């Protein structure tokens, strides 16, 4: 979600809409809005800060695929004689 959408979602919750209704409105899972609301309550902001560490090169889906292919490769190797 963009920062502007995050602020709008907080506004909807402050207007006493349920987290589930706000999530449906923005087309995201309710846990996304729940985490956003908790972040706002503790930090009074919805802007995401840059995190330390090396940027990701692969997506989580690609990571899962690599793991599956690696497991298949190990299972299909013939035993050493």
PDB file of N, CA and C in Angstrom:
ATOM      1  N   UNK A   1       0.836  -1.185   0.000  1.00  0.00           N
ATOM      2  CA  UNK A   1       0.000   0.000   0.000  1.00  0.00           C
ATOM      3  C   UNK A   1       0.878   1.244   0.000  1.00  0.00           C
ATOM      4  N   UNK A   2       0.431   2.245  -0.718  1.00  0.00           N
ATOM      5  CA  UNK A   2       1.112   3.529  -0.713  1.00  0.00           C
ATOM      6  C   UNK A   2       0.867   4.235   0.622  1.00  0.00           C
ATOM      7  N   UNK A   3       1.741   5.171   0.955  1.00  0.00           N
ATOM      8  CA  UNK A   3       1.591   5.903   2.214  1.00  0.00           C
ATOM      9  C   UNK A   3       0.241   6.609   2.296  1.00  0.00           C
ATOM     10  N   UNK A   4      -0.221   7.172   1.171  1.00  0.00           N
ATOM     11  CA  UNK A   4      -1.510   7.879   1.187  1.00  0.00           C
ATOM     12  C   UNK A   4      -2.656   6.917   1.519  1.00  0.00           C
ATOM     13  N   UNK A   5      -2.585   5.696   0.982  1.00  0.00           N
ATOM     14  CA  UNK A   5      -3.610   4.693   1.285  1.00  0.00           C
ATOM     15  C   UNK A   5      -3.544   4.273   2.749  1.00  0.00           C
ATOM     16  N   UNK A   6      -2.334   4.206   3.290  1.00  0.00           N
ATOM     17  CA  UNK A   6      -2.169   3.839   4.696  1.00  0.00           C
ATOM     18  C   UNK A   6      -2.842   4.870   5.592  1.00  0.00           C
ATOM     19  N   UNK A   7      -2.617   6.156   5.284  1.00  0.00           N
ATOM     20  CA  UNK A   7      -3.240   7.216   6.074  1.00  0.00           C
ATOM     21  C   UNK A   7      -4.761   7.156   5.950  1.00  0.00           C
ATOM     22  N   UNK A   8      -5.258   6.880   4.748  1.00  0.00           N
ATOM     23  CA  UNK A   8      -6.704   6.779   4.553  1.00  0.00           C
ATOM     24  C   UNK A   8      -7.273   5.609   5.353  1.00  0.00           C
ATOM     25  N   UNK A   9      -6.548   4.487   5.384  1.00  0.00           N
ATOM     26  CA  UNK A   9      -7.012   3.317   6.140  1.00  0.00           C
ATOM     27  C   UNK A   9      -7.101   3.651   7.628  1.00  0.00           C
ATOM     28  N   UNK A  10      -6.106   4.362   8.147  1.00  0.00           N
ATOM     29  CA  UNK A  10      -6.142   4.772   9.550  1.00  0.00           C
ATOM     30  C   UNK A  10      -7.348   5.680   9.791  1.00  0.00           C
ATOM     31  N   UNK A  11      -7.603   6.568   8.851  1.00  0.00           N
ATOM     32  CA  UNK A  11      -8.756   7.450   8.970  1.00  0.00           C
ATOM     33  C   UNK A  11     -10.064   6.681   9.030  1.00  0.00           C
ATOM     34  N   UNK A  12     -10.180   5.629   8.222  1.00  0.00           N
ATOM     35  CA  UNK A  12     -11.382   4.792   8.237  1.00  0.00           C
ATOM     36  C   UNK A  12     -11.554   4.125   9.604  1.00  0.00           C
ATOM     37  N   UNK A  13     -10.456   3.629  10.167  1.00  0.00           N
ATOM     38  CA  UNK A  13     -10.533   2.970  11.475  1.00  0.00           C
ATOM     39  C   UNK A  13     -10.893   3.986  12.556  1.00  0.00           C
ATOM     40  N   UNK A  14     -10.286   5.172  12.469  1.00  0.00           N
ATOM     41  CA  UNK A  14     -10.614   6.212  13.444  1.00  0.00           C
ATOM     42  C   UNK A  14     -12.082   6.646  13.324  1.00  0.00           C
ATOM     43  N   UNK A  15     -12.661   6.472  12.134  1.00  0.00           N
ATOM     44  CA  UNK A  15     -14.080   6.784  11.928  1.00  0.00           C
ATOM     45  C   UNK A  15     -14.956   5.610  12.358  1.00  0.00           C
ATOM     46  N   UNK A  16     -14.346   4.690  13.104  1.00  0.00           N
ATOM     47  CA  UNK A  16     -15.031   3.552  13.724  1.00  0.00           C
ATOM     48  C   UNK A  16     -15.509   2.488  12.738  1.00  0.00           C
ATOM     49  N   UNK A  17     -14.830   2.363  11.604  1.00  0.00           N
ATOM     50  CA  UNK A  17     -15.082   1.223  10.734  1.00  0.00           C
ATOM     51  C   UNK A  17     -14.247   0.063  11.251  1.00  0.00           C
ATOM     52  N   UNK A  18     -14.736  -1.152  11.036  1.00  0.00           N
ATOM     53  CA  UNK A  18     -13.990  -2.315  11.519  1.00  0.00           C
ATOM     54  C   UNK A  18     -12.770  -2.568  10.638  1.00  0.00           C
ATOM     55  N   UNK A  19     -11.791  -3.245  11.210  1.00  0.00           N
ATOM     56  CA  UNK A  19     -10.584  -3.600  10.475  1.00  0.00           C
ATOM     57  C   UNK A  19     -10.939  -4.458   9.263  1.00  0.00           C
ATOM     58  N   UNK A  20     -11.890  -5.365   9.437  1.00  0.00           N
ATOM     59  CA  UNK A  20     -12.313  -6.231   8.331  1.00  0.00           C
ATOM     60  C   UNK A  20     -12.928  -5.413   7.204  1.00  0.00           C
ATOM     61  N   UNK A  21     -13.780  -4.451   7.539  1.00  0.00           N
ATOM     62  CA  UNK A  21     -14.399  -3.613   6.511  1.00  0.00           C
ATOM     63  C   UNK A  21     -13.368  -2.767   5.775  1.00  0.00           C
ATOM     64  N   UNK A  22     -12.407  -2.232   6.515  1.00  0.00           N
ATOM     65  CA  UNK A  22     -11.353  -1.428   5.893  1.00  0.00           C
ATOM     66  C   UNK A  22     -10.514  -2.298   4.962  1.00  0.00           C
ATOM     67  N   UNK A  23     -10.203  -3.508   5.396  1.00  0.00           N
ATOM     68  CA  UNK A  23      -9.421  -4.427   4.562  1.00  0.00           C
ATOM     69  C   UNK A  23     -10.163  -4.763   3.276  1.00  0.00           C
ATOM     70  N   UNK A  24     -11.453  -5.008   3.366  1.00  0.00           N
ATOM     71  CA  UNK A  24     -12.248  -5.283   2.172  1.00  0.00           C
ATOM     72  C   UNK A  24     -12.259  -4.082   1.238  1.00  0.00           C
ATOM     73  N   UNK A  25     -12.374  -2.884   1.793  1.00  0.00           N
ATOM     74  CA  UNK A  25     -12.408  -1.663   1.000  1.00  0.00           C
ATOM     75  C   UNK A  25     -11.119  -1.497   0.196  1.00  0.00           C
ATOM     76  N   UNK A  26      -9.968  -1.764   0.830  1.00  0.00           N
ATOM     77  CA  UNK A  26      -8.676  -1.588   0.169  1.00  0.00           C
ATOM     78  C   UNK A  26      -8.211  -2.842  -0.572  1.00  0.00           C
ATOM     79  N   UNK A  27      -8.947  -3.943  -0.420  1.00  0.00           N
ATOM     80  CA  UNK A  27      -8.597  -5.167  -1.138  1.00  0.00           C
ATOM     81  C   UNK A  27      -7.353  -5.850  -0.614  1.00  0.00           C
ATOM     82  N   UNK A  28      -7.155  -5.798   0.703  1.00  0.00           N
ATOM     83  CA  UNK A  28      -6.008  -6.464   1.315  1.00  0.00           C
ATOM     84  C   UNK A  28      -6.502  -7.375   2.431  1.00  0.00           C
ATOM     85  N   UNK A  29      -5.630  -8.244   2.912  1.00  0.00           N
ATOM     86  CA  UNK A  29      -5.982  -9.150   4.000  1.00  0.00           C
ATOM     87  C   UNK A  29      -6.136  -8.348   5.292  1.00  0.00           C
ATOM     88  N   UNK A  30      -7.015  -8.783   6.160  1.00  0.00           N
ATOM     89  CA  UNK A  30      -7.265  -8.043   7.399  1.00  0.00           C
ATOM     90  C   UNK A  30      -6.032  -7.916   8.270  1.00  0.00           C
ATOM     91  N   UNK A  31      -5.091  -8.866   8.159  1.00  0.00           N
ATOM     92  CA  UNK A  31      -3.878  -8.786   8.978  1.00  0.00           C
ATOM     93  C   UNK A  31      -3.016  -7.583   8.575  1.00  0.00           C
ATOM     94  N   UNK A  32      -3.085  -7.181   7.301  1.00  0.00           N
ATOM     95  CA  UNK A  32      -2.328  -6.018   6.842  1.00  0.00           C
ATOM     96  C   UNK A  32      -2.828  -4.767   7.553  1.00  0.00           C
ATOM     97  N   UNK A  33      -4.139  -4.614   7.618  1.00  0.00           N
ATOM     98  CA  UNK A  33      -4.725  -3.447   8.270  1.00  0.00           C
ATOM     99  C   UNK A  33      -4.513  -3.526   9.784  1.00  0.00           C
ATOM    100  N   UNK A  34      -4.584  -4.713  10.346  1.00  0.00           N
ATOM    101  CA  UNK A  34      -4.365  -4.876  11.779  1.00  0.00           C
ATOM    102  C   UNK A  34      -2.950  -4.451  12.155  1.00  0.00           C
ATOM    103  N   UNK A  35      -1.950  -4.883  11.381  1.00  0.00           N
ATOM    104  CA  UNK A  35      -0.565  -4.505  11.651  1.00  0.00           C
ATOM    105  C   UNK A  35      -0.359  -3.004  11.457  1.00  0.00           C
ATOM    106  N   UNK A  36      -1.006  -2.457  10.426  1.00  0.00           N
ATOM    107  CA  UNK A  36      -0.922  -1.022  10.177  1.00  0.00           C
ATOM    108  C   UNK A  36      -1.494  -0.233  11.348  1.00  0.00           C
ATOM    109  N   UNK A  37      -2.637  -0.663  11.875  1.00  0.00           N
ATOM    110  CA  UNK A  37      -3.275   0.008  13.006  1.00  0.00           C
ATOM    111  C   UNK A  37      -2.394  -0.070  14.253  1.00  0.00           C
ATOM    112  N   UNK A  38      -1.807  -1.243  14.504  1.00  0.00           N
ATOM    113  CA  UNK A  38      -0.916  -1.391  15.661  1.00  0.00           C
ATOM    114  C   UNK A  38       0.306  -0.495  15.523  1.00  0.00           C
ATOM    115  N   UNK A  39       0.850  -0.414  14.307  1.00  0.00           N
ATOM    116  CA  UNK A  39       2.003   0.454  14.062  1.00  0.00           C
ATOM    117  C   UNK A  39       1.616   1.907  14.340  1.00  0.00           C
ATOM    118  N   UNK A  40       0.454   2.323  13.868  1.00  0.00           N
ATOM    119  CA  UNK A  40       0.015   3.693  14.079  1.00  0.00           C
ATOM    120  C   UNK A  40      -0.182   3.994  15.565  1.00  0.00           C
ATOM    121  N   UNK A  41      -0.744   3.041  16.294  1.00  0.00           N
ATOM    122  CA  UNK A  41      -0.985   3.266  17.719  1.00  0.00           C
ATOM    123  C   UNK A  41       0.310   3.428  18.506  1.00  0.00           C
ATOM    124  N   UNK A  42       1.363   2.730  18.108  1.00  0.00           N
ATOM    125  CA  UNK A  42       2.615   2.801  18.860  1.00  0.00           C
ATOM    126  C   UNK A  42       3.518   3.937  18.394  1.00  0.00           C
ATOM    127  N   UNK A  43       3.515   4.249  17.076  1.00  0.00           N
ATOM    128  CA  UNK A  43       4.460   5.236  16.542  1.00  0.00           C
ATOM    129  C   UNK A  43       3.802   6.526  16.085  1.00  0.00           C
ATOM    130  N   UNK A  44       2.483   6.554  15.989  1.00  0.00           N
ATOM    131  CA  UNK A  44       1.731   7.706  15.485  1.00  0.00           C
ATOM    132  C   UNK A  44       2.086   8.054  14.043  1.00  0.00           C
ATOM    133  N   UNK A  45       2.576   7.062  13.288  1.00  0.00           N
ATOM    134  CA  UNK A  45       2.849   7.260  11.874  1.00  0.00           C
ATOM    135  C   UNK A  45       2.592   5.957  11.132  1.00  0.00           C
ATOM    136  N   UNK A  46       2.401   6.061   9.830  1.00  0.00           N
ATOM    137  CA  UNK A  46       2.205   4.860   9.023  1.00  0.00           C
ATOM    138  C   UNK A  46       3.297   4.739   7.969  1.00  0.00           C
ATOM    139  N   UNK A  47       4.254   5.659   8.014  1.00  0.00           N
ATOM    140  CA  UNK A  47       5.325   5.664   7.022  1.00  0.00           C
ATOM    141  C   UNK A  47       6.326   4.579   7.377  1.00  0.00           C
ATOM    142  N   UNK A  48       6.648   3.764   6.390  1.00  0.00           N
ATOM    143  CA  UNK A  48       7.598   2.674   6.611  1.00  0.00           C
ATOM    144  C   UNK A  48       9.012   3.209   6.510  1.00  0.00           C
ATOM    145  N   UNK A  49       9.814   2.862   7.476  1.00  0.00           N
ATOM    146  CA  UNK A  49      11.208   3.286   7.509  1.00  0.00           C
ATOM    147  C   UNK A  49      12.070   2.280   6.747  1.00  0.00           C
ATOM    148  N   UNK A  50      13.140   2.755   6.121  1.00  0.00           N
ATOM    149  CA  UNK A  50      14.059   1.797   5.490  1.00  0.00           C
ATOM    150  C   UNK A  50      14.665   0.880   6.549  1.00  0.00           C
ATOM    151  N   UNK A  51      14.854  -0.363   6.184  1.00  0.00           N
ATOM    152  CA  UNK A  51      15.422  -1.326   7.117  1.00  0.00           C
ATOM    153  C   UNK A  51      16.871  -1.616   6.745  1.00  0.00           C
ATOM    154  N   UNK A  52      17.648  -1.966   7.744  1.00  0.00           N
ATOM    155  CA  UNK A  52      19.053  -2.272   7.510  1.00  0.00           C
ATOM    156  C   UNK A  52      19.183  -3.638   6.854  1.00  0.00           C
ATOM    157  N   UNK A  53      20.294  -3.846   6.219  1.00  0.00           N
ATOM    158  CA  UNK A  53      20.555  -5.147   5.615  1.00  0.00           C
ATOM    159  C   UNK A  53      20.613  -5.075   4.106  1.00  0.00           C
ATOM    160  N   UNK A  54      21.024  -6.147   3.549  1.00  0.00           N
ATOM    161  CA  UNK A  54      21.164  -6.226   2.102  1.00  0.00           C
ATOM    162  C   UNK A  54      19.797  -6.372   1.453  1.00  0.00           C
ATOM    163  N   UNK A  55      19.547  -5.674   0.338  1.00  0.00           N
ATOM    164  CA  UNK A  55      18.256  -5.807  -0.330  1.00  0.00           C
ATOM    165  C   UNK A  55      18.049  -7.211  -0.898  1.00  0.00           C
ATOM    166  N   UNK A  56      16.812  -7.635  -0.936  1.00  0.00           N
ATOM    167  CA  UNK A  56      16.494  -8.957  -1.467  1.00  0.00           C
ATOM    168  C   UNK A  56      16.746  -8.995  -2.965  1.00  0.00           C
ATOM    169  N   UNK A  57      17.244 -10.135  -3.432  1.00  0.00           N
ATOM    170  CA  UNK A  57      17.471 -10.326  -4.851  1.00  0.00           C
ATOM    171  C   UNK A  57      16.372 -11.214  -5.423  1.00  0.00           C
ATOM    172  N   UNK A  58      15.897 -12.171  -4.646  1.00  0.00           N
ATOM    173  CA  UNK A  58      14.830 -13.059  -5.088  1.00  0.00           C
ATOM    174  C   UNK A  58      13.578 -12.803  -4.267  1.00  0.00           C
ATOM    175  N   UNK A  59      12.435 -13.140  -4.856  1.00  0.00           N
ATOM    176  CA  UNK A  59      11.171 -13.007  -4.138  1.00  0.00           C
ATOM    177  C   UNK A  59      10.959 -14.241  -3.268  1.00  0.00           C
ATOM    178  N   UNK A  60      10.069 -14.175  -2.287  1.00  0.00           N
ATOM    179  CA  UNK A  60       9.782 -15.368  -1.486  1.00  0.00           C
ATOM    180  C   UNK A  60       9.309 -16.551  -2.346  1.00  0.00           C
ATOM    181  N   UNK A  61       8.547 -16.275  -3.402  1.00  0.00           N
ATOM    182  CA  UNK A  61       8.088 -17.357  -4.281  1.00  0.00           C
ATOM    183  C   UNK A  61       9.268 -18.013  -4.999  1.00  0.00           C
ATOM    184  N   UNK A  62      10.220 -17.190  -5.451  1.00  0.00           N
ATOM    185  CA  UNK A  62      11.408 -17.746  -6.097  1.00  0.00           C
ATOM    186  C   UNK A  62      12.238 -18.557  -5.101  1.00  0.00           C
ATOM    187  N   UNK A  63      12.312 -18.099  -3.873  1.00  0.00           N
ATOM    188  CA  UNK A  63      13.031 -18.849  -2.838  1.00  0.00           C
ATOM    189  C   UNK A  63      12.418 -20.233  -2.640  1.00  0.00           C
ATOM    190  N   UNK A  64      11.082 -20.304  -2.584  1.00  0.00           N
ATOM    191  CA  UNK A  64      10.412 -21.599  -2.425  1.00  0.00           C
ATOM    192  C   UNK A  64      10.703 -22.506  -3.613  1.00  0.00           C
ATOM    193  N   UNK A  65      10.655 -21.952  -4.827  1.00  0.00           N
ATOM    194  CA  UNK A  65      10.926 -22.743  -6.028  1.00  0.00           C
ATOM    195  C   UNK A  65      12.357 -23.281  -6.009  1.00  0.00           C
ATOM    196  N   UNK A  66      13.306 -22.449  -5.651  1.00  0.00           N
ATOM    197  CA  UNK A  66      14.700 -22.883  -5.582  1.00  0.00           C
ATOM    198  C   UNK A  66      14.845 -24.028  -4.582  1.00  0.00           C
ATOM    199  N   UNK A  67      14.165 -23.913  -3.428  1.00  0.00           N
ATOM    200  CA  UNK A  67      14.225 -24.974  -2.424  1.00  0.00           C
ATOM    201  C   UNK A  67      13.648 -26.288  -2.938  1.00  0.00           C
ATOM    202  N   UNK A  68      12.522 -26.209  -3.646  1.00  0.00           N
ATOM    203  CA  UNK A  68      11.882 -27.414  -4.189  1.00  0.00           C
ATOM    204  C   UNK A  68      12.788 -28.077  -5.212  1.00  0.00           C
ATOM    205  N   UNK A  69      13.344 -27.290  -6.127  1.00  0.00           N
ATOM    206  CA  UNK A  69      14.225 -27.834  -7.158  1.00  0.00           C
ATOM    207  C   UNK A  69      15.467 -28.445  -6.527  1.00  0.00           C
ATOM    208  N   UNK A  70      16.004 -27.809  -5.508  1.00  0.00           N
ATOM    209  CA  UNK A  70      17.197 -28.343  -4.843  1.00  0.00           C
ATOM    210  C   UNK A  70      16.896 -29.681  -4.181  1.00  0.00           C
ATOM    211  N   UNK A  71      15.727 -29.794  -3.540  1.00  0.00           N
ATOM    212  CA  UNK A  71      15.363 -31.058  -2.896  1.00  0.00           C
ATOM    213  C   UNK A  71      15.176 -32.161  -3.930  1.00  0.00           C
ATOM    214  N   UNK A  72      14.582 -31.822  -5.059  1.00  0.00           N
ATOM    215  CA  UNK A  72      14.402 -32.825  -6.120  1.00  0.00           C
ATOM    216  C   UNK A  72      15.749 -33.292  -6.644  1.00  0.00           C
ATOM    217  N   UNK A  73      16.665 -32.342  -6.832  1.00  0.00           N
ATOM    218  CA  UNK A  73      17.995 -32.694  -7.345  1.00  0.00           C
ATOM    219  C   UNK A  73      18.723 -33.634  -6.410  1.00  0.00           C
ATOM    220  N   UNK A  74      18.603 -33.423  -5.115  1.00  0.00           N
ATOM    221  CA  UNK A  74      19.271 -34.282  -4.142  1.00  0.00           C
ATOM    222  C   UNK A  74      18.625 -35.667  -4.143  1.00  0.00           C
ATOM    223  N   UNK A  75      17.304 -35.741  -4.248  1.00  0.00           N
ATOM    224  CA  UNK A  75      16.597 -37.018  -4.209  1.00  0.00           C
ATOM    225  C   UNK A  75      16.846 -37.830  -5.463  1.00  0.00           C
ATOM    226  N   UNK A  76      17.128 -37.196  -6.580  1.00  0.00           N
ATOM    227  CA  UNK A  76      17.272 -37.913  -7.848  1.00  0.00           C
ATOM    228  C   UNK A  76      18.694 -38.320  -8.181  1.00  0.00           C
ATOM    229  N   UNK A  77      19.653 -37.923  -7.365  1.00  0.00           N
ATOM    230  CA  UNK A  77      21.037 -38.275  -7.634  1.00  0.00           C
ATOM    231  C   UNK A  77      21.240 -39.768  -7.393  1.00  0.00           C
ATOM    232  N   UNK A  78      21.962 -40.430  -8.283  1.00  0.00           N
ATOM    233  CA  UNK A  78      22.253 -41.842  -8.054  1.00  0.00           C
ATOM    234  C   UNK A  78      23.290 -41.989  -6.947  1.00  0.00           C
ATOM    235  N   UNK A  79      23.241 -43.074  -6.197  1.00  0.00           N
ATOM    236  CA  UNK A  79      24.234 -43.276  -5.133  1.00  0.00           C
ATOM    237  C   UNK A  79      25.625 -43.442  -5.724  1.00  0.00           C
ATOM    238  N   UNK A  80      26.613 -42.959  -5.010  1.00  0.00           N
ATOM    239  CA  UNK A  80      27.993 -43.090  -5.461  1.00  0.00           C
ATOM    240  C   UNK A  80      28.481 -44.525  -5.269  1.00  0.00           C
ATOM    241  N   UNK A  81      29.146 -45.033  -6.266  1.00  0.00           N
ATOM    242  CA  UNK A  81      29.640 -46.409  -6.192  1.00  0.00           C
ATOM    243  C   UNK A  81      31.138 -46.408  -6.128  1.00  0.00           C
TER     244      UNK A  81
END
